[in-house]
Amino acid sequence: MRTLKTSSLKATLATLLVLTGSLAAAQTTPTDTRERPAVWTGLGLETILPVVQLSVSAPIGQAGGLTILPRVGVDAGVITILSADLLLSRADTGWYGGPSAGLIVTGDGGWRAGAVAGYRARTRTNLGLFVEGGVRYTVVRGLLTSHEPVPAGQSARPAEDLALPSPTLRLGLTYRF
């Protein structure tokens, strides 16, 4: 069995003491938990289709201890959606959620409405991450068409709307200003 030299043991203990002290100081340092304007960017799935999200949010007030935080943005994938969420949260980290709506701007258009909920954390003073889920009802206009041959002298059936519940899952980063 190898014995440790006294000098290396002292150096190890001194290093641990310094690290422990700095961690304790970091935990007692007050953190700013006020909501501030933020940029949200992420990747996820809308139903089963991949989507890229780019949004901005800013606090507009308080209601019963909750911060009201509208978030507007663009969700781009197979279709492009202008989205708006009304998020409610207690602080800039932790749980949040609220109603969600959107307008589909590609093709013949459409809309979606539902709710989202998620969890935010900070990795640095201004940089953070989020994981978010939601359930929305989505209507895409004019998406379903008939592939049956049209007899001579008759017009083709008009395209029908596709309406479906669309679960979402997203992961991303936030940057606070």
Protein backbone atom coordinates (compact mmCIF):
# COMPACT_ATOMS: atom_id res chain seq x y z
CA MET A 1 0.00 0.00 0.00
CA ARG A 2 1.35 3.33 -0.98
CA THR A 3 1.47 6.09 1.62
CA LEU A 4 0.60 9.66 0.79
CA LYS A 5 3.21 12.28 1.46
CA THR A 6 2.14 14.91 3.95
CA SER A 7 2.75 17.74 1.45
CA SER A 8 0.44 16.24 -1.21
CA LEU A 9 -2.25 15.58 1.41
CA LYS A 10 -2.02 19.22 2.58
CA ALA A 11 -2.24 20.47 -1.02
CA THR A 12 -5.31 18.33 -1.70
CA LEU A 13 -7.04 19.51 1.49
CA ALA A 14 -6.22 23.16 0.69
CA THR A 15 -7.69 22.77 -2.83
CA LEU A 16 -10.86 21.18 -1.45
CA LEU A 17 -11.19 23.96 1.12
CA VAL A 18 -10.89 26.66 -1.54
CA LEU A 19 -13.46 24.92 -3.81
CA THR A 20 -15.88 24.40 -0.93
CA GLY A 21 -15.58 28.04 0.11
CA SER A 22 -16.21 29.31 -3.42
CA LEU A 23 -19.23 27.02 -3.84
CA ALA A 24 -20.67 28.19 -0.52
CA ALA A 25 -20.16 31.82 -1.51
CA ALA A 26 -21.84 31.20 -4.87
CA GLN A 27 -24.88 29.68 -3.17
CA THR A 28 -25.33 32.62 -0.81
CA THR A 29 -24.95 35.25 -3.53
CA PRO A 30 -28.41 36.69 -4.26
CA THR A 31 -29.62 36.02 -7.79
CA ASP A 32 -31.81 38.27 -9.90
CA THR A 33 -35.05 36.35 -10.52
CA ARG A 34 -37.01 39.19 -12.13
CA GLU A 35 -38.43 38.47 -15.55
CA ARG A 36 -36.66 40.34 -18.32
CA PRO A 37 -37.12 40.40 -22.09
CA ALA A 38 -35.72 37.21 -23.64
CA VAL A 39 -35.10 35.47 -26.95
CA TRP A 40 -36.16 31.82 -27.15
CA THR A 41 -34.75 29.47 -29.78
CA GLY A 42 -35.30 25.75 -29.96
CA LEU A 43 -35.90 22.54 -31.84
CA GLY A 44 -38.81 20.21 -31.41
CA LEU A 45 -41.62 18.17 -32.80
CA GLU A 46 -45.07 19.45 -33.75
CA THR A 47 -47.17 16.28 -33.91
CA ILE A 48 -44.45 14.21 -35.62
CA LEU A 49 -42.93 16.91 -37.83
CA PRO A 50 -39.68 18.70 -36.90
CA VAL A 51 -39.93 22.41 -36.15
CA VAL A 52 -37.50 25.26 -35.41
CA GLN A 53 -38.69 27.96 -33.00
CA LEU A 54 -37.56 31.58 -32.73
CA SER A 55 -39.51 33.76 -30.28
CA VAL A 56 -39.21 36.85 -28.09
CA SER A 57 -40.90 37.53 -24.77
CA ALA A 58 -41.20 40.46 -22.38
CA PRO A 59 -42.99 40.80 -19.02
CA ILE A 60 -45.98 43.14 -19.02
CA GLY A 61 -47.27 42.89 -15.46
CA GLN A 62 -48.23 40.85 -12.42
CA ALA A 63 -51.44 39.04 -11.50
CA GLY A 64 -51.73 37.37 -8.11
CA GLY A 65 -47.99 36.71 -7.73
CA LEU A 66 -47.59 35.47 -11.30
CA THR A 67 -45.72 37.35 -13.99
CA ILE A 68 -47.61 37.78 -17.27
CA LEU A 69 -45.18 37.10 -20.10
CA PRO A 70 -46.41 37.28 -23.72
CA ARG A 71 -44.20 35.42 -26.20
CA VAL A 72 -44.46 35.89 -29.98
CA GLY A 73 -42.49 34.13 -32.64
CA VAL A 74 -42.20 31.94 -35.69
CA ASP A 75 -42.31 28.15 -35.82
CA ALA A 76 -40.82 26.95 -39.10
CA GLY A 77 -40.89 23.44 -40.49
CA VAL A 78 -43.04 21.82 -43.16
CA ILE A 79 -45.46 24.68 -42.50
CA THR A 80 -44.71 28.13 -41.07
CA ILE A 81 -46.71 29.37 -38.09
CA LEU A 82 -46.80 32.80 -36.45
CA SER A 83 -47.29 31.93 -32.80
CA ALA A 84 -48.37 33.78 -29.67
CA ASP A 85 -48.29 32.38 -26.14
CA LEU A 86 -49.44 34.05 -22.92
CA LEU A 87 -47.08 32.55 -20.34
CA LEU A 88 -47.55 32.79 -16.58
CA SER A 89 -44.62 32.20 -14.22
CA ARG A 90 -43.41 32.96 -10.69
CA ALA A 91 -39.78 33.72 -11.62
CA ASP A 92 -37.45 33.59 -14.61
CA THR A 93 -36.51 30.03 -13.68
CA GLY A 94 -38.84 27.17 -12.87
CA TRP A 95 -42.24 26.18 -14.20
CA TYR A 96 -44.31 28.26 -16.62
CA GLY A 97 -47.34 27.74 -18.83
CA GLY A 98 -50.37 29.25 -20.47
CA PRO A 99 -52.62 29.46 -23.52
CA SER A 100 -51.17 29.32 -27.02
CA ALA A 101 -52.44 30.36 -30.46
CA GLY A 102 -51.03 30.55 -33.96
CA LEU A 103 -51.74 31.38 -37.60
CA ILE A 104 -50.44 29.14 -40.37
CA VAL A 105 -49.07 31.39 -43.11
CA THR A 106 -48.01 28.82 -45.73
CA GLY A 107 -50.26 27.16 -48.28
CA ASP A 108 -53.95 27.93 -47.83
CA GLY A 109 -53.37 28.92 -44.20
CA GLY A 110 -54.95 27.67 -41.03
CA TRP A 111 -54.77 28.12 -37.29
CA ARG A 112 -53.98 26.40 -34.00
CA ALA A 113 -55.02 26.90 -30.38
CA GLY A 114 -54.17 25.14 -27.14
CA ALA A 115 -51.80 25.36 -24.19
CA VAL A 116 -48.09 24.98 -23.43
CA ALA A 117 -46.18 24.27 -20.22
CA GLY A 118 -42.48 24.00 -19.55
CA TYR A 119 -39.52 24.37 -17.27
CA ARG A 120 -36.73 26.98 -17.54
CA ALA A 121 -33.32 26.99 -15.93
CA ARG A 122 -30.29 29.26 -16.16
CA THR A 123 -26.80 28.12 -17.03
CA ARG A 124 -25.29 31.62 -16.80
CA THR A 125 -26.55 35.07 -15.84
CA ASN A 126 -28.23 35.70 -19.19
CA LEU A 127 -28.19 32.27 -20.82
CA GLY A 128 -30.64 29.51 -19.99
CA LEU A 129 -32.39 26.46 -21.34
CA PHE A 130 -35.97 25.23 -21.51
CA VAL A 131 -37.97 22.09 -22.12
CA GLU A 132 -41.58 22.57 -23.15
CA GLY A 133 -44.58 20.49 -24.04
CA GLY A 134 -48.01 21.37 -25.26
CA VAL A 135 -51.26 20.22 -26.74
CA ARG A 136 -52.91 22.22 -29.50
CA TYR A 137 -55.76 21.76 -31.91
CA THR A 138 -54.48 22.49 -35.42
CA VAL A 139 -56.45 23.15 -38.62
CA VAL A 140 -54.56 23.26 -41.93
CA ARG A 141 -56.81 24.53 -44.73
CA GLY A 142 -56.98 22.83 -48.12
CA LEU A 143 -54.46 20.11 -47.32
CA LEU A 144 -56.44 16.96 -48.12
CA THR A 145 -57.17 16.33 -51.79
CA SER A 146 -58.80 13.43 -53.56
CA HIS A 147 -56.63 11.38 -55.91
CA GLU A 148 -59.59 9.78 -57.66
CA PRO A 149 -59.80 10.39 -61.42
CA VAL A 150 -62.38 13.02 -62.32
CA PRO A 151 -64.90 11.91 -64.96
CA ALA A 152 -65.17 14.12 -68.05
CA GLY A 153 -67.49 17.07 -67.58
CA GLN A 154 -67.28 17.04 -63.77
CA SER A 155 -65.20 19.28 -61.56
CA ALA A 156 -62.72 17.93 -59.03
CA ARG A 157 -63.67 17.82 -55.38
CA PRO A 158 -62.33 20.82 -53.48
CA ALA A 159 -59.50 20.19 -51.05
CA GLU A 160 -60.56 19.57 -47.47
CA ASP A 161 -59.14 20.90 -44.21
CA LEU A 162 -56.99 18.70 -42.00
CA ALA A 163 -57.93 19.09 -38.34
CA LEU A 164 -56.06 17.23 -35.62
CA PRO A 165 -54.82 17.48 -32.05
CA SER A 166 -51.11 18.18 -32.22
CA PRO A 167 -48.89 17.45 -29.23
CA THR A 168 -45.57 19.31 -29.10
CA LEU A 169 -42.21 18.79 -27.44
CA ARG A 170 -39.39 21.36 -27.58
CA LEU A 171 -35.91 21.84 -26.22
CA GLY A 172 -34.00 25.07 -26.53
CA LEU A 173 -32.05 28.02 -25.21
CA THR A 174 -33.09 31.39 -23.84
CA TYR A 175 -31.11 34.61 -23.71
CA ARG A 176 -32.21 37.35 -21.27
CA PHE A 177 -31.48 41.01 -21.89
